[in-house]
Amino acid sequence: MTPSVVSLSDLEGEPHAAVFPGEEPKTVRLTLDAGESVPEHQHPGRTVVCHVLSGEVEMALGDDGVTLESGDVARFDGGQDVSPTAVEPSVALLVLAERTEE
């Protein structure tokens, strides 16, 4: 497999920009202004890894939540309600990996 290399700063589309369109695992750059959020949604059948590249994001996860700052990496079940809100202008890289049966 030939490596694919993409500059996140060259991607178009906000708040979501597909890093490798049509490829697995689904990878998205999320860009949010301060106070901006993504409505509650789910990613059934996926495990989500979120790496905050800059800023601070409050991530509502079902009945829980976590605050992620620049440099933090979180992994969570995409089958629950998810809603990120930027505390300050923020950029995050999200990888949505299909869960495999064990």
PDB file of N, CA and C in Angstrom:
ATOM      1  N   MET A   1       0.852  -1.179   0.000  1.00  0.00           N
ATOM      2  CA  MET A   1       0.000   0.000   0.000  1.00  0.00           C
ATOM      3  C   MET A   1       0.896   1.241   0.000  1.00  0.00           C
ATOM      4  N   THR A   2       0.632   2.143  -0.911  1.00  0.00           N
ATOM      5  CA  THR A   2       1.359   3.404  -0.975  1.00  0.00           C
ATOM      6  C   THR A   2       0.819   4.354   0.091  1.00  0.00           C
ATOM      7  N   PRO A   3       1.707   5.000   0.850  1.00  0.00           N
ATOM      8  CA  PRO A   3       1.210   5.919   1.881  1.00  0.00           C
ATOM      9  C   PRO A   3       0.472   7.115   1.271  1.00  0.00           C
ATOM     10  N   SER A   4      -0.559   7.545   1.960  1.00  0.00           N
ATOM     11  CA  SER A   4      -1.288   8.759   1.582  1.00  0.00           C
ATOM     12  C   SER A   4      -0.909   9.842   2.574  1.00  0.00           C
ATOM     13  N   VAL A   5      -0.527  11.005   2.063  1.00  0.00           N
ATOM     14  CA  VAL A   5      -0.136  12.112   2.920  1.00  0.00           C
ATOM     15  C   VAL A   5      -0.982  13.317   2.567  1.00  0.00           C
ATOM     16  N   VAL A   6      -1.582  13.945   3.586  1.00  0.00           N
ATOM     17  CA  VAL A   6      -2.451  15.097   3.395  1.00  0.00           C
ATOM     18  C   VAL A   6      -2.061  16.163   4.406  1.00  0.00           C
ATOM     19  N   SER A   7      -2.012  17.409   3.973  1.00  0.00           N
ATOM     20  CA  SER A   7      -1.806  18.516   4.901  1.00  0.00           C
ATOM     21  C   SER A   7      -3.173  18.961   5.407  1.00  0.00           C
ATOM     22  N   LEU A   8      -3.375  18.901   6.724  1.00  0.00           N
ATOM     23  CA  LEU A   8      -4.671  19.283   7.278  1.00  0.00           C
ATOM     24  C   LEU A   8      -5.042  20.710   6.931  1.00  0.00           C
ATOM     25  N   SER A   9      -4.049  21.584   6.826  1.00  0.00           N
ATOM     26  CA  SER A   9      -4.330  22.993   6.527  1.00  0.00           C
ATOM     27  C   SER A   9      -4.817  23.192   5.092  1.00  0.00           C
ATOM     28  N   ASP A  10      -4.598  22.208   4.218  1.00  0.00           N
ATOM     29  CA  ASP A  10      -5.040  22.324   2.826  1.00  0.00           C
ATOM     30  C   ASP A  10      -6.461  21.820   2.603  1.00  0.00           C
ATOM     31  N   LEU A  11      -7.046  21.181   3.610  1.00  0.00           N
ATOM     32  CA  LEU A  11      -8.385  20.613   3.450  1.00  0.00           C
ATOM     33  C   LEU A  11      -9.435  21.707   3.401  1.00  0.00           C
ATOM     34  N   GLU A  12     -10.466  21.462   2.604  1.00  0.00           N
ATOM     35  CA  GLU A  12     -11.583  22.400   2.515  1.00  0.00           C
ATOM     36  C   GLU A  12     -12.784  21.817   3.228  1.00  0.00           C
ATOM     37  N   GLY A  13     -13.585  22.706   3.778  1.00  0.00           N
ATOM     38  CA  GLY A  13     -14.813  22.293   4.453  1.00  0.00           C
ATOM     39  C   GLY A  13     -14.725  22.483   5.945  1.00  0.00           C
ATOM     40  N   GLU A  14     -15.714  23.169   6.496  1.00  0.00           N
ATOM     41  CA  GLU A  14     -15.796  23.382   7.938  1.00  0.00           C
ATOM     42  C   GLU A  14     -17.250  23.253   8.344  1.00  0.00           C
ATOM     43  N   PRO A  15     -17.582  22.704   9.449  1.00  0.00           N
ATOM     44  CA  PRO A  15     -16.646  22.288  10.471  1.00  0.00           C
ATOM     45  C   PRO A  15     -15.951  20.962  10.165  1.00  0.00           C
ATOM     46  N   HIS A  16     -16.506  20.149   9.233  1.00  0.00           N
ATOM     47  CA  HIS A  16     -15.933  18.835   8.948  1.00  0.00           C
ATOM     48  C   HIS A  16     -15.234  18.842   7.596  1.00  0.00           C
ATOM     49  N   ALA A  17     -14.045  18.273   7.546  1.00  0.00           N
ATOM     50  CA  ALA A  17     -13.324  18.080   6.288  1.00  0.00           C
ATOM     51  C   ALA A  17     -12.807  16.647   6.268  1.00  0.00           C
ATOM     52  N   ALA A  18     -13.199  15.870   5.250  1.00  0.00           N
ATOM     53  CA  ALA A  18     -12.720  14.487   5.130  1.00  0.00           C
ATOM     54  C   ALA A  18     -11.242  14.505   4.767  1.00  0.00           C
ATOM     55  N   VAL A  19     -10.446  13.789   5.530  1.00  0.00           N
ATOM     56  CA  VAL A  19      -9.009  13.749   5.279  1.00  0.00           C
ATOM     57  C   VAL A  19      -8.692  12.808   4.120  1.00  0.00           C
ATOM     58  N   PHE A  20      -9.275  11.626   4.128  1.00  0.00           N
ATOM     59  CA  PHE A  20      -9.089  10.644   3.060  1.00  0.00           C
ATOM     60  C   PHE A  20     -10.474  10.215   2.569  1.00  0.00           C
ATOM     61  N   PRO A  21     -11.128  11.030   1.720  1.00  0.00           N
ATOM     62  CA  PRO A  21     -12.506  10.749   1.313  1.00  0.00           C
ATOM     63  C   PRO A  21     -12.685   9.328   0.759  1.00  0.00           C
ATOM     64  N   GLY A  22     -13.718   8.662   1.278  1.00  0.00           N
ATOM     65  CA  GLY A  22     -14.061   7.328   0.802  1.00  0.00           C
ATOM     66  C   GLY A  22     -13.154   6.217   1.304  1.00  0.00           C
ATOM     67  N   GLU A  23     -12.194   6.527   2.162  1.00  0.00           N
ATOM     68  CA  GLU A  23     -11.247   5.536   2.666  1.00  0.00           C
ATOM     69  C   GLU A  23     -11.538   5.223   4.130  1.00  0.00           C
ATOM     70  N   GLU A  24     -11.176   4.031   4.538  1.00  0.00           N
ATOM     71  CA  GLU A  24     -11.281   3.621   5.940  1.00  0.00           C
ATOM     72  C   GLU A  24      -9.896   3.595   6.554  1.00  0.00           C
ATOM     73  N   PRO A  25      -9.765   3.888   7.841  1.00  0.00           N
ATOM     74  CA  PRO A  25     -10.846   4.362   8.697  1.00  0.00           C
ATOM     75  C   PRO A  25     -11.225   5.794   8.323  1.00  0.00           C
ATOM     76  N   LYS A  26     -12.491   6.111   8.516  1.00  0.00           N
ATOM     77  CA  LYS A  26     -12.972   7.461   8.234  1.00  0.00           C
ATOM     78  C   LYS A  26     -12.201   8.431   9.125  1.00  0.00           C
ATOM     79  N   THR A  27     -11.616   9.464   8.513  1.00  0.00           N
ATOM     80  CA  THR A  27     -10.791  10.427   9.238  1.00  0.00           C
ATOM     81  C   THR A  27     -11.265  11.829   8.892  1.00  0.00           C
ATOM     82  N   VAL A  28     -11.503  12.661   9.926  1.00  0.00           N
ATOM     83  CA  VAL A  28     -12.113  13.969   9.735  1.00  0.00           C
ATOM     84  C   VAL A  28     -11.337  15.026  10.519  1.00  0.00           C
ATOM     85  N   ARG A  29     -11.129  16.180   9.879  1.00  0.00           N
ATOM     86  CA  ARG A  29     -10.617  17.340  10.619  1.00  0.00           C
ATOM     87  C   ARG A  29     -11.834  18.143  11.044  1.00  0.00           C
ATOM     88  N   LEU A  30     -11.947  18.409  12.342  1.00  0.00           N
ATOM     89  CA  LEU A  30     -13.059  19.185  12.891  1.00  0.00           C
ATOM     90  C   LEU A  30     -12.530  20.552  13.290  1.00  0.00           C
ATOM     91  N   THR A  31     -13.129  21.607  12.743  1.00  0.00           N
ATOM     92  CA  THR A  31     -12.728  22.977  13.054  1.00  0.00           C
ATOM     93  C   THR A  31     -13.938  23.711  13.615  1.00  0.00           C
ATOM     94  N   LEU A  32     -13.810  24.229  14.834  1.00  0.00           N
ATOM     95  CA  LEU A  32     -14.920  24.925  15.481  1.00  0.00           C
ATOM     96  C   LEU A  32     -14.450  26.265  16.026  1.00  0.00           C
ATOM     97  N   ASP A  33     -15.278  27.294  15.863  1.00  0.00           N
ATOM     98  CA  ASP A  33     -15.025  28.588  16.489  1.00  0.00           C
ATOM     99  C   ASP A  33     -15.447  28.513  17.957  1.00  0.00           C
ATOM    100  N   ALA A  34     -14.983  29.447  18.759  1.00  0.00           N
ATOM    101  CA  ALA A  34     -15.351  29.489  20.171  1.00  0.00           C
ATOM    102  C   ALA A  34     -16.874  29.505  20.308  1.00  0.00           C
ATOM    103  N   GLY A  35     -17.408  28.624  21.141  1.00  0.00           N
ATOM    104  CA  GLY A  35     -18.845  28.541  21.368  1.00  0.00           C
ATOM    105  C   GLY A  35     -19.596  27.710  20.336  1.00  0.00           C
ATOM    106  N   GLU A  36     -18.950  27.352  19.245  1.00  0.00           N
ATOM    107  CA  GLU A  36     -19.596  26.551  18.200  1.00  0.00           C
ATOM    108  C   GLU A  36     -19.641  25.087  18.630  1.00  0.00           C
ATOM    109  N   SER A  37     -20.719  24.405  18.264  1.00  0.00           N
ATOM    110  CA  SER A  37     -20.852  22.996  18.615  1.00  0.00           C
ATOM    111  C   SER A  37     -21.410  22.205  17.443  1.00  0.00           C
ATOM    112  N   VAL A  38     -21.302  20.912  17.568  1.00  0.00           N
ATOM    113  CA  VAL A  38     -21.910  19.990  16.614  1.00  0.00           C
ATOM    114  C   VAL A  38     -23.076  19.347  17.359  1.00  0.00           C
ATOM    115  N   PRO A  39     -24.272  19.361  16.764  1.00  0.00           N
ATOM    116  CA  PRO A  39     -25.432  18.778  17.450  1.00  0.00           C
ATOM    117  C   PRO A  39     -25.188  17.308  17.816  1.00  0.00           C
ATOM    118  N   GLU A  40     -25.899  16.865  18.854  1.00  0.00           N
ATOM    119  CA  GLU A  40     -25.816  15.492  19.309  1.00  0.00           C
ATOM    120  C   GLU A  40     -26.022  14.536  18.136  1.00  0.00           C
ATOM    121  N   HIS A  41     -25.148  13.557  18.023  1.00  0.00           N
ATOM    122  CA  HIS A  41     -25.235  12.567  16.953  1.00  0.00           C
ATOM    123  C   HIS A  41     -24.503  11.302  17.408  1.00  0.00           C
ATOM    124  N   GLN A  42     -24.559  10.249  16.580  1.00  0.00           N
ATOM    125  CA  GLN A  42     -23.893   8.993  16.903  1.00  0.00           C
ATOM    126  C   GLN A  42     -23.120   8.480  15.693  1.00  0.00           C
ATOM    127  N   HIS A  43     -22.165   7.598  15.977  1.00  0.00           N
ATOM    128  CA  HIS A  43     -21.404   6.891  14.950  1.00  0.00           C
ATOM    129  C   HIS A  43     -21.481   5.400  15.293  1.00  0.00           C
ATOM    130  N   PRO A  44     -22.667   4.776  15.076  1.00  0.00           N
ATOM    131  CA  PRO A  44     -22.851   3.375  15.457  1.00  0.00           C
ATOM    132  C   PRO A  44     -21.817   2.467  14.792  1.00  0.00           C
ATOM    133  N   GLY A  45     -21.352   1.481  15.550  1.00  0.00           N
ATOM    134  CA  GLY A  45     -20.421   0.504  15.016  1.00  0.00           C
ATOM    135  C   GLY A  45     -18.995   1.004  14.882  1.00  0.00           C
ATOM    136  N   ARG A  46     -18.723   2.180  15.465  1.00  0.00           N
ATOM    137  CA  ARG A  46     -17.381   2.745  15.352  1.00  0.00           C
ATOM    138  C   ARG A  46     -16.807   3.097  16.714  1.00  0.00           C
ATOM    139  N   THR A  47     -15.507   2.978  16.805  1.00  0.00           N
ATOM    140  CA  THR A  47     -14.756   3.522  17.924  1.00  0.00           C
ATOM    141  C   THR A  47     -14.155   4.820  17.417  1.00  0.00           C
ATOM    142  N   VAL A  48     -14.261   5.884  18.199  1.00  0.00           N
ATOM    143  CA  VAL A  48     -13.784   7.199  17.787  1.00  0.00           C
ATOM    144  C   VAL A  48     -12.542   7.562  18.593  1.00  0.00           C
ATOM    145  N   VAL A  49     -11.518   8.033  17.897  1.00  0.00           N
ATOM    146  CA  VAL A  49     -10.327   8.583  18.534  1.00  0.00           C
ATOM    147  C   VAL A  49     -10.291  10.054  18.159  1.00  0.00           C
ATOM    148  N   CYS A  50     -10.214  10.920  19.169  1.00  0.00           N
ATOM    149  CA  CYS A  50     -10.206  12.375  18.962  1.00  0.00           C
ATOM    150  C   CYS A  50      -8.903  12.945  19.506  1.00  0.00           C
ATOM    151  N   HIS A  51      -8.128  13.583  18.634  1.00  0.00           N
ATOM    152  CA  HIS A  51      -6.880  14.247  19.028  1.00  0.00           C
ATOM    153  C   HIS A  51      -7.079  15.740  18.827  1.00  0.00           C
ATOM    154  N   VAL A  52      -7.082  16.500  19.916  1.00  0.00           N
ATOM    155  CA  VAL A  52      -7.243  17.948  19.826  1.00  0.00           C
ATOM    156  C   VAL A  52      -5.876  18.549  19.459  1.00  0.00           C
ATOM    157  N   LEU A  53      -5.825  19.161  18.297  1.00  0.00           N
ATOM    158  CA  LEU A  53      -4.582  19.738  17.796  1.00  0.00           C
ATOM    159  C   LEU A  53      -4.353  21.136  18.340  1.00  0.00           C
ATOM    160  N   SER A  54      -5.444  21.890  18.503  1.00  0.00           N
ATOM    161  CA  SER A  54      -5.348  23.236  19.078  1.00  0.00           C
ATOM    162  C   SER A  54      -6.679  23.593  19.710  1.00  0.00           C
ATOM    163  N   GLY A  55      -6.624  24.430  20.750  1.00  0.00           N
ATOM    164  CA  GLY A  55      -7.843  24.887  21.408  1.00  0.00           C
ATOM    165  C   GLY A  55      -8.265  23.997  22.552  1.00  0.00           C
ATOM    166  N   GLU A  56      -9.552  24.082  22.871  1.00  0.00           N
ATOM    167  CA  GLU A  56     -10.146  23.319  23.975  1.00  0.00           C
ATOM    168  C   GLU A  56     -11.572  22.961  23.590  1.00  0.00           C
ATOM    169  N   VAL A  57     -11.919  21.689  23.774  1.00  0.00           N
ATOM    170  CA  VAL A  57     -13.231  21.173  23.368  1.00  0.00           C
ATOM    171  C   VAL A  57     -13.883  20.458  24.537  1.00  0.00           C
ATOM    172  N   GLU A  58     -15.145  20.795  24.807  1.00  0.00           N
ATOM    173  CA  GLU A  58     -15.946  20.040  25.767  1.00  0.00           C
ATOM    174  C   GLU A  58     -16.711  18.999  24.964  1.00  0.00           C
ATOM    175  N   MET A  59     -16.444  17.724  25.249  1.00  0.00           N
ATOM    176  CA  MET A  59     -17.049  16.635  24.497  1.00  0.00           C
ATOM    177  C   MET A  59     -18.117  15.977  25.346  1.00  0.00           C
ATOM    178  N   ALA A  60     -19.390  16.179  24.978  1.00  0.00           N
ATOM    179  CA  ALA A  60     -20.494  15.500  25.649  1.00  0.00           C
ATOM    180  C   ALA A  60     -20.567  14.086  25.081  1.00  0.00           C
ATOM    181  N   LEU A  61     -20.541  13.099  25.978  1.00  0.00           N
ATOM    182  CA  LEU A  61     -20.553  11.693  25.591  1.00  0.00           C
ATOM    183  C   LEU A  61     -21.638  10.979  26.377  1.00  0.00           C
ATOM    184  N   GLY A  62     -22.800  10.800  25.763  1.00  0.00           N
ATOM    185  CA  GLY A  62     -23.918  10.192  26.475  1.00  0.00           C
ATOM    186  C   GLY A  62     -24.259  11.032  27.684  1.00  0.00           C
ATOM    187  N   ASP A  63     -24.267  10.409  28.876  1.00  0.00           N
ATOM    188  CA  ASP A  63     -24.570  11.119  30.114  1.00  0.00           C
ATOM    189  C   ASP A  63     -23.314  11.718  30.755  1.00  0.00           C
ATOM    190  N   ASP A  64     -22.177  11.509  30.130  1.00  0.00           N
ATOM    191  CA  ASP A  64     -20.908  11.990  30.664  1.00  0.00           C
ATOM    192  C   ASP A  64     -20.318  13.045  29.738  1.00  0.00           C
ATOM    193  N   GLY A  65     -19.158  13.502  30.082  1.00  0.00           N
ATOM    194  CA  GLY A  65     -18.457  14.454  29.242  1.00  0.00           C
ATOM    195  C   GLY A  65     -17.019  14.573  29.684  1.00  0.00           C
ATOM    196  N   VAL A  66     -16.222  15.135  28.822  1.00  0.00           N
ATOM    197  CA  VAL A  66     -14.814  15.315  29.115  1.00  0.00           C
ATOM    198  C   VAL A  66     -14.350  16.604  28.431  1.00  0.00           C
ATOM    199  N   THR A  67     -13.430  17.309  29.075  1.00  0.00           N
ATOM    200  CA  THR A  67     -12.837  18.496  28.470  1.00  0.00           C
ATOM    201  C   THR A  67     -11.475  18.106  27.928  1.00  0.00           C
ATOM    202  N   LEU A  68     -11.256  18.385  26.657  1.00  0.00           N
ATOM    203  CA  LEU A  68     -10.012  18.042  25.982  1.00  0.00           C
ATOM    204  C   LEU A  68      -9.287  19.310  25.577  1.00  0.00           C
ATOM    205  N   GLU A  69      -8.013  19.377  25.917  1.00  0.00           N
ATOM    206  CA  GLU A  69      -7.187  20.527  25.564  1.00  0.00           C
ATOM    207  C   GLU A  69      -6.196  20.126  24.489  1.00  0.00           C
ATOM    208  N   SER A  70      -5.561  21.117  23.897  1.00  0.00           N
ATOM    209  CA  SER A  70      -4.563  20.877  22.866  1.00  0.00           C
ATOM    210  C   SER A  70      -3.579  19.800  23.314  1.00  0.00           C
ATOM    211  N   GLY A  71      -3.397  18.786  22.472  1.00  0.00           N
ATOM    212  CA  GLY A  71      -2.495  17.687  22.779  1.00  0.00           C
ATOM    213  C   GLY A  71      -3.170  16.479  23.385  1.00  0.00           C
ATOM    214  N   ASP A  72      -4.415  16.630  23.886  1.00  0.00           N
ATOM    215  CA  ASP A  72      -5.136  15.501  24.479  1.00  0.00           C
ATOM    216  C   ASP A  72      -5.668  14.571  23.395  1.00  0.00           C
ATOM    217  N   VAL A  73      -5.706  13.280  23.726  1.00  0.00           N
ATOM    218  CA  VAL A  73      -6.275  12.264  22.841  1.00  0.00           C
ATOM    219  C   VAL A  73      -7.282  11.469  23.652  1.00  0.00           C
ATOM    220  N   ALA A  74      -8.484  11.308  23.103  1.00  0.00           N
ATOM    221  CA  ALA A  74      -9.523  10.529  23.778  1.00  0.00           C
ATOM    222  C   ALA A  74     -10.043   9.454  22.829  1.00  0.00           C
ATOM    223  N   ARG A  75     -10.440   8.318  23.401  1.00  0.00           N
ATOM    224  CA  ARG A  75     -11.053   7.235  22.624  1.00  0.00           C
ATOM    225  C   ARG A  75     -12.390   6.931  23.277  1.00  0.00           C
ATOM    226  N   PHE A  76     -13.443   6.789  22.438  1.00  0.00           N
ATOM    227  CA  PHE A  76     -14.763   6.516  22.996  1.00  0.00           C
ATOM    228  C   PHE A  76     -15.628   5.781  21.993  1.00  0.00           C
ATOM    229  N   ASP A  77     -16.710   5.205  22.514  1.00  0.00           N
ATOM    230  CA  ASP A  77     -17.681   4.460  21.717  1.00  0.00           C
ATOM    231  C   ASP A  77     -18.544   5.436  20.921  1.00  0.00           C
ATOM    232  N   GLY A  78     -18.547   5.294  19.620  1.00  0.00           N
ATOM    233  CA  GLY A  78     -19.337   6.174  18.764  1.00  0.00           C
ATOM    234  C   GLY A  78     -20.827   5.867  18.788  1.00  0.00           C
ATOM    235  N   GLY A  79     -21.232   4.769  19.447  1.00  0.00           N
ATOM    236  CA  GLY A  79     -22.642   4.404  19.500  1.00  0.00           C
ATOM    237  C   GLY A  79     -23.454   5.210  20.496  1.00  0.00           C
ATOM    238  N   GLN A  80     -22.792   6.047  21.281  1.00  0.00           N
ATOM    239  CA  GLN A  80     -23.507   6.906  22.238  1.00  0.00           C
ATOM    240  C   GLN A  80     -23.695   8.295  21.623  1.00  0.00           C
ATOM    241  N   ASP A  81     -24.534   9.119  22.237  1.00  0.00           N
ATOM    242  CA  ASP A  81     -24.708  10.489  21.769  1.00  0.00           C
ATOM    243  C   ASP A  81     -23.401  11.250  21.987  1.00  0.00           C
ATOM    244  N   VAL A  82     -22.955  11.945  20.946  1.00  0.00           N
ATOM    245  CA  VAL A  82     -21.706  12.701  20.969  1.00  0.00           C
ATOM    246  C   VAL A  82     -22.008  14.129  20.536  1.00  0.00           C
ATOM    247  N   SER A  83     -21.446  15.119  21.255  1.00  0.00           N
ATOM    248  CA  SER A  83     -21.623  16.517  20.862  1.00  0.00           C
ATOM    249  C   SER A  83     -20.431  17.343  21.359  1.00  0.00           C
ATOM    250  N   PRO A  84     -19.518  17.701  20.437  1.00  0.00           N
ATOM    251  CA  PRO A  84     -18.404  18.559  20.835  1.00  0.00           C
ATOM    252  C   PRO A  84     -18.791  20.036  20.793  1.00  0.00           C
ATOM    253  N   THR A  85     -18.260  20.798  21.757  1.00  0.00           N
ATOM    254  CA  THR A  85     -18.436  22.247  21.802  1.00  0.00           C
ATOM    255  C   THR A  85     -17.066  22.871  22.047  1.00  0.00           C
ATOM    256  N   ALA A  86     -16.700  23.847  21.227  1.00  0.00           N
ATOM    257  CA  ALA A  86     -15.407  24.509  21.384  1.00  0.00           C
ATOM    258  C   ALA A  86     -15.480  25.569  22.471  1.00  0.00           C
ATOM    259  N   VAL A  87     -14.582  25.496  23.444  1.00  0.00           N
ATOM    260  CA  VAL A  87     -14.462  26.512  24.479  1.00  0.00           C
ATOM    261  C   VAL A  87     -13.747  27.726  23.888  1.00  0.00           C
ATOM    262  N   GLU A  88     -12.809  27.452  22.995  1.00  0.00           N
ATOM    263  CA  GLU A  88     -12.062  28.475  22.260  1.00  0.00           C
ATOM    264  C   GLU A  88     -11.882  27.932  20.841  1.00  0.00           C
ATOM    265  N   PRO A  89     -11.449  28.755  19.880  1.00  0.00           N
ATOM    266  CA  PRO A  89     -11.254  28.221  18.527  1.00  0.00           C
ATOM    267  C   PRO A  89     -10.419  26.938  18.596  1.00  0.00           C
ATOM    268  N   SER A  90     -10.912  25.881  17.943  1.00  0.00           N
ATOM    269  CA  SER A  90     -10.303  24.559  18.101  1.00  0.00           C
ATOM    270  C   SER A  90     -10.239  23.793  16.789  1.00  0.00           C
ATOM    271  N   VAL A  91      -9.222  22.941  16.698  1.00  0.00           N
ATOM    272  CA  VAL A  91      -9.075  22.009  15.581  1.00  0.00           C
ATOM    273  C   VAL A  91      -8.764  20.648  16.175  1.00  0.00           C
ATOM    274  N   ALA A  92      -9.483  19.631  15.708  1.00  0.00           N
ATOM    275  CA  ALA A  92      -9.260  18.265  16.181  1.00  0.00           C
ATOM    276  C   ALA A  92      -9.235  17.319  14.993  1.00  0.00           C
ATOM    277  N   LEU A  93      -8.499  16.242  15.151  1.00  0.00           N
ATOM    278  CA  LEU A  93      -8.477  15.175  14.163  1.00  0.00           C
ATOM    279  C   LEU A  93      -9.228  14.000  14.762  1.00  0.00           C
ATOM    280  N   LEU A  94     -10.249  13.511  14.038  1.00  0.00           N
ATOM    281  CA  LEU A  94     -11.048  12.399  14.509  1.00  0.00           C
ATOM    282  C   LEU A  94     -10.875  11.209  13.584  1.00  0.00           C
ATOM    283  N   VAL A  95     -10.634  10.051  14.164  1.00  0.00           N
ATOM    284  CA  VAL A  95     -10.558   8.802  13.415  1.00  0.00           C
ATOM    285  C   VAL A  95     -11.709   7.940  13.882  1.00  0.00           C
ATOM    286  N   LEU A  96     -12.574   7.528  12.936  1.00  0.00           N
ATOM    287  CA  LEU A  96     -13.747   6.719  13.241  1.00  0.00           C
ATOM    288  C   LEU A  96     -13.500   5.335  12.679  1.00  0.00           C
ATOM    289  N   ALA A  97     -13.023   4.440  13.520  1.00  0.00           N
ATOM    290  CA  ALA A  97     -12.641   3.097  13.096  1.00  0.00           C
ATOM    291  C   ALA A  97     -13.818   2.132  13.261  1.00  0.00           C
ATOM    292  N   GLU A  98     -14.038   1.314  12.246  1.00  0.00           N
ATOM    293  CA  GLU A  98     -15.074   0.300  12.354  1.00  0.00           C
ATOM    294  C   GLU A  98     -14.687  -0.692  13.421  1.00  0.00           C
ATOM    295  N   ARG A  99     -15.646  -1.021  14.289  1.00  0.00           N
ATOM    296  CA  ARG A  99     -15.390  -2.017  15.321  1.00  0.00           C
ATOM    297  C   ARG A  99     -15.454  -3.398  14.698  1.00  0.00           C
ATOM    298  N   THR A 100     -14.564  -4.247  15.106  1.00  0.00           N
ATOM    299  CA  THR A 100     -14.574  -5.630  14.636  1.00  0.00           C
ATOM    300  C   THR A 100     -15.079  -6.524  15.755  1.00  0.00           C
ATOM    301  N   GLU A 101     -15.739  -7.593  15.362  1.00  0.00           N
ATOM    302  CA  GLU A 101     -16.231  -8.547  16.358  1.00  0.00           C
ATOM    303  C   GLU A 101     -15.062  -9.354  16.868  1.00  0.00           C
ATOM    304  N   GLU A 102     -15.014  -9.563  18.174  1.00  0.00           N
ATOM    305  CA  GLU A 102     -13.921 -10.343  18.781  1.00  0.00           C
ATOM    306  C   GLU A 102     -14.376 -11.719  19.111  1.00  0.00           C
TER     307      GLU A 102
END
